[in-house]
N, C-alpha and C. Protein backbone atom coordinates (compact mmCIF):
# COMPACT_ATOMS: atom_id res chain seq x y z
N MET A 1 149.81 78.17 111.80
CA MET A 1 149.23 78.15 113.29
C MET A 1 149.25 79.53 113.70
N LYS A 2 150.50 80.15 113.76
CA LYS A 2 150.64 81.44 114.21
C LYS A 2 149.78 82.38 113.46
N TYR A 3 149.28 82.44 112.45
CA TYR A 3 148.22 83.34 111.62
C TYR A 3 147.16 83.19 112.56
N ARG A 4 146.64 81.93 112.96
CA ARG A 4 145.32 81.80 113.35
C ARG A 4 145.21 82.48 114.67
N ILE A 5 146.46 82.51 115.66
CA ILE A 5 146.39 82.96 116.86
C ILE A 5 146.32 84.23 116.42
N PHE A 6 146.93 84.92 115.62
CA PHE A 6 147.00 86.55 115.33
C PHE A 6 145.74 86.80 115.04
N TYR A 7 144.87 86.12 113.95
CA TYR A 7 143.40 86.73 113.78
C TYR A 7 142.76 86.57 115.08
N ALA A 8 142.81 85.33 115.58
CA ALA A 8 142.04 85.51 116.53
C ALA A 8 142.00 86.61 117.62
N PHE A 9 143.42 86.85 117.81
CA PHE A 9 144.02 88.07 118.74
C PHE A 9 143.11 89.19 118.03
N ALA A 10 143.47 89.69 116.71
CA ALA A 10 142.76 90.71 116.31
C ALA A 10 141.48 90.81 116.51
N LEU A 11 140.82 89.76 116.48
CA LEU A 11 139.21 89.60 116.37
C LEU A 11 138.64 89.90 117.72
N LEU A 12 139.58 89.69 118.81
CA LEU A 12 139.31 90.19 120.48
C LEU A 12 139.44 91.36 120.62
N LEU A 13 140.61 91.97 119.91
CA LEU A 13 140.73 93.38 120.14
C LEU A 13 139.93 94.50 119.44
N PHE A 14 139.54 94.16 118.25
CA PHE A 14 138.93 94.94 117.55
C PHE A 14 137.63 95.63 117.98
N PRO A 15 136.99 95.34 118.98
CA PRO A 15 136.02 96.12 119.50
C PRO A 15 136.63 97.13 120.48
N LEU A 16 137.63 97.24 120.90
CA LEU A 16 138.61 98.07 121.56
C LEU A 16 139.03 99.13 120.95
N PHE A 17 138.96 99.31 119.41
CA PHE A 17 139.56 100.25 118.88
C PHE A 17 138.48 100.85 117.99
N PHE A 18 137.28 100.17 117.97
CA PHE A 18 135.97 100.79 117.19
C PHE A 18 134.73 100.89 117.99
N SER A 19 133.80 101.81 117.61
CA SER A 19 132.77 101.94 118.35
C SER A 19 131.68 102.11 117.46
N ALA A 20 130.59 101.51 117.82
CA ALA A 20 129.31 101.74 116.72
C ALA A 20 128.15 102.54 117.58
N THR A 21 127.54 103.38 116.32
CA THR A 21 126.42 103.95 117.02
C THR A 21 125.32 103.34 116.35
N THR A 22 124.27 103.19 117.15
CA THR A 22 122.95 102.67 116.42
C THR A 22 121.97 104.01 116.21
N ILE A 23 121.40 103.88 114.72
CA ILE A 23 120.67 104.86 114.47
C ILE A 23 119.04 104.09 114.10
N PRO A 24 118.41 104.65 114.89
CA PRO A 24 116.61 104.05 115.04
C PRO A 24 116.38 104.41 113.64
N PHE A 25 115.03 103.38 112.78
CA PHE A 25 114.86 103.81 111.46
C PHE A 25 113.76 102.69 111.43
N GLU A 26 112.97 103.52 110.13
CA GLU A 26 111.66 102.23 110.17
C GLU A 26 112.00 102.00 108.57
N TYR A 27 111.58 100.43 108.09
CA TYR A 27 111.64 100.11 107.15
C TYR A 27 110.32 99.81 106.56
N ILE A 28 110.07 101.00 105.33
CA ILE A 28 108.78 101.27 104.64
C ILE A 28 108.92 101.07 103.36
N ASP A 29 108.14 100.00 102.59
CA ASP A 29 108.08 99.88 101.21
C ASP A 29 109.54 99.63 100.75
N GLY A 30 110.37 98.97 101.32
CA GLY A 30 111.75 98.47 100.72
C GLY A 30 112.85 99.85 100.99
N LYS A 31 112.50 100.75 101.74
CA LYS A 31 113.14 101.96 102.03
C LYS A 31 113.51 102.28 103.51
N ILE A 32 114.60 102.64 103.81
CA ILE A 32 115.20 103.19 105.22
C ILE A 32 114.56 104.54 105.65
N ILE A 33 113.72 104.46 106.29
CA ILE A 33 113.59 105.74 106.64
C ILE A 33 114.07 106.26 107.80
N ILE A 34 114.57 107.65 108.37
CA ILE A 34 115.22 108.11 109.51
C ILE A 34 114.38 109.38 109.68
N ASN A 35 114.17 109.19 111.02
CA ASN A 35 113.43 110.37 111.52
C ASN A 35 114.38 111.52 112.14
N ILE A 36 114.42 112.71 111.66
CA ILE A 36 115.43 113.60 112.03
C ILE A 36 114.57 115.07 112.59
N ASP A 37 115.18 115.43 113.77
CA ASP A 37 114.71 116.50 114.07
C ASP A 37 115.65 117.67 113.58
N ILE A 38 114.89 118.95 112.94
CA ILE A 38 115.71 119.96 112.33
C ILE A 38 114.99 121.17 113.08
N LYS A 39 115.72 122.13 113.64
CA LYS A 39 115.15 123.17 114.45
C LYS A 39 113.48 123.03 115.14
N ASN A 40 113.67 121.71 115.86
CA ASN A 40 112.63 121.25 116.86
C ASN A 40 111.40 120.87 115.97
N LYS A 41 111.54 120.46 114.61
CA LYS A 41 110.86 119.94 113.87
C LYS A 41 111.24 118.36 113.22
N LYS A 42 109.92 117.62 113.25
CA LYS A 42 110.48 116.34 112.75
C LYS A 42 110.60 116.06 111.45
N HIS A 43 111.19 115.41 110.70
CA HIS A 43 111.39 115.55 109.34
C HIS A 43 111.97 113.96 108.84
N ASN A 44 111.06 113.11 108.00
CA ASN A 44 111.87 111.92 107.54
C ASN A 44 112.60 112.13 106.30
N PHE A 45 113.33 111.30 106.54
CA PHE A 45 114.49 111.18 105.16
C PHE A 45 114.81 109.73 104.81
N ILE A 46 115.00 109.63 103.55
CA ILE A 46 115.36 108.25 103.08
C ILE A 46 116.74 108.13 103.23
N PHE A 47 117.05 106.84 103.96
CA PHE A 47 118.64 106.68 103.88
C PHE A 47 118.74 106.07 102.40
N ASP A 48 119.99 106.57 101.62
CA ASP A 48 120.19 106.15 100.49
C ASP A 48 121.64 106.47 100.19
N THR A 49 122.58 105.34 100.53
CA THR A 49 124.02 105.73 100.55
C THR A 49 124.67 105.95 99.12
N GLY A 50 123.80 105.70 97.79
CA GLY A 50 124.22 105.90 96.49
C GLY A 50 123.70 107.51 96.12
N ALA A 51 123.02 108.20 96.91
CA ALA A 51 122.33 109.63 96.58
C ALA A 51 122.84 110.47 97.24
N LEU A 52 122.92 111.70 96.33
CA LEU A 52 123.11 113.07 97.12
C LEU A 52 122.09 113.36 98.33
N THR A 53 122.22 114.09 99.31
CA THR A 53 121.50 114.67 99.91
C THR A 53 120.54 115.47 99.35
N ILE A 54 119.15 115.45 99.37
CA ILE A 54 118.08 116.38 98.68
C ILE A 54 116.93 116.56 99.62
N ILE A 55 116.84 117.77 100.10
CA ILE A 55 115.64 118.36 100.71
C ILE A 55 114.42 118.95 99.99
N SER A 56 113.50 118.83 100.58
CA SER A 56 112.46 119.30 99.91
C SER A 56 112.48 120.78 99.89
N SER A 57 111.39 121.37 99.18
CA SER A 57 111.26 122.93 99.01
C SER A 57 110.78 123.46 100.40
N GLU A 58 110.04 122.77 101.03
CA GLU A 58 109.58 122.95 102.85
C GLU A 58 110.90 123.34 103.82
N LEU A 59 111.83 122.73 103.33
CA LEU A 59 112.98 122.99 104.13
C LEU A 59 114.17 123.98 103.61
N LYS A 60 114.03 124.10 102.17
CA LYS A 60 115.09 124.99 101.59
C LYS A 60 114.54 126.54 102.17
N GLY A 61 116.14 127.06 102.54
CA GLY A 61 115.85 128.29 103.01
C GLY A 61 115.65 128.40 104.45
N SER A 62 115.38 127.31 105.35
CA SER A 62 115.48 127.24 106.62
C SER A 62 116.62 126.68 107.18
N LEU A 63 117.47 126.25 106.73
CA LEU A 63 118.62 125.92 107.04
C LEU A 63 120.01 126.22 106.85
N ASN A 64 119.66 127.54 106.31
CA ASN A 64 121.13 128.53 106.56
C ASN A 64 121.87 127.81 105.39
N GLU A 65 121.59 127.08 104.52
CA GLU A 65 122.29 126.46 103.11
C GLU A 65 122.79 127.58 102.51
N LYS A 66 123.73 127.65 101.78
CA LYS A 66 124.52 128.20 100.50
C LYS A 66 124.39 127.65 99.40
N LYS A 67 124.02 128.24 98.52
CA LYS A 67 124.07 127.99 97.03
C LYS A 67 125.41 127.82 96.38
N SER A 68 125.73 127.03 96.07
CA SER A 68 127.43 126.80 95.31
C SER A 68 127.17 127.16 94.06
N ASN A 69 128.33 127.28 93.21
CA ASN A 69 128.38 127.61 91.79
C ASN A 69 127.95 126.26 90.99
N ALA A 70 128.16 125.17 91.32
CA ALA A 70 127.84 124.02 90.55
C ALA A 70 126.61 123.50 90.36
N ILE A 71 126.29 122.87 89.39
CA ILE A 71 125.14 122.38 89.14
C ILE A 71 125.11 120.99 88.92
N PHE A 72 124.48 119.96 89.57
CA PHE A 72 124.68 118.57 89.42
C PHE A 72 123.62 118.06 88.21
N GLU A 73 124.41 117.30 87.32
CA GLU A 73 123.46 116.91 86.17
C GLU A 73 123.83 115.18 86.16
N ALA A 74 122.89 114.79 86.07
CA ALA A 74 122.71 113.30 86.16
C ALA A 74 121.80 112.57 85.19
N THR A 75 122.14 111.32 84.97
CA THR A 75 121.25 110.44 83.77
C THR A 75 121.05 109.11 84.60
N ASP A 76 119.70 108.66 85.16
CA ASP A 76 119.47 107.53 85.73
C ASP A 76 119.51 106.28 84.77
N ALA A 77 119.07 105.52 85.61
CA ALA A 77 119.07 103.96 84.96
C ALA A 77 118.13 103.83 83.59
N ASN A 78 116.93 104.76 83.78
CA ASN A 78 116.15 105.06 82.86
C ASN A 78 116.29 105.85 82.01
N ASN A 79 117.73 106.43 81.78
CA ASN A 79 117.98 107.70 80.58
C ASN A 79 117.29 108.66 80.97
N SER A 80 116.76 108.83 82.12
CA SER A 80 116.06 110.28 82.43
C SER A 80 117.30 111.23 83.05
N LYS A 81 117.23 112.26 82.31
CA LYS A 81 118.51 113.32 82.77
C LYS A 81 117.67 114.29 83.99
N SER A 82 118.83 114.54 84.84
CA SER A 82 117.89 115.58 85.51
C SER A 82 119.08 116.82 86.01
N ARG A 83 118.70 117.77 86.20
CA ARG A 83 119.72 118.95 86.91
C ARG A 83 119.13 119.46 87.95
N MET A 84 120.08 119.84 88.93
CA MET A 84 119.45 120.37 90.03
C MET A 84 120.80 121.43 90.74
N ASP A 85 120.53 122.58 91.42
CA ASP A 85 121.55 123.46 92.10
C ASP A 85 121.86 122.62 93.30
N LEU A 86 123.38 122.93 93.81
CA LEU A 86 123.80 122.34 94.74
C LEU A 86 123.93 123.56 95.76
N PHE A 87 123.95 122.97 96.99
CA PHE A 87 123.97 123.74 98.16
C PHE A 87 125.03 123.33 99.18
N SER A 88 125.70 123.99 99.90
CA SER A 88 126.12 123.28 100.79
C SER A 88 125.62 123.96 102.50
N GLN A 89 125.76 122.93 103.54
CA GLN A 89 125.20 123.20 104.69
C GLN A 89 126.62 123.47 105.71
N PRO A 90 126.53 124.53 106.56
CA PRO A 90 127.57 124.91 107.58
C PRO A 90 127.78 123.34 108.45
N THR A 91 128.69 123.15 108.92
CA THR A 91 129.12 122.23 109.85
C THR A 91 128.85 122.66 111.25
N SER A 92 128.29 122.17 112.21
CA SER A 92 128.29 122.88 113.62
C SER A 92 129.37 122.24 114.55
């Protein structure tokens, strides 16, 4: 009984300790598309929690990114291998 009271009390206090942010998105062909403003230009990004952040060659060089010494190598579910340079973006 005392655990039920504790859990009910914890559920009532939960919103006081955590806040949520709503991010607008479009759901297109099974993908979550997020519209982002970068230097006053709109760009669409696919939201994928299991992927690295990949930008187009159009954006490369316009974001003040810095190339790292690391190279990303991966094999996907279809046994297709890929390599790519990694870059870092200064945080503001």
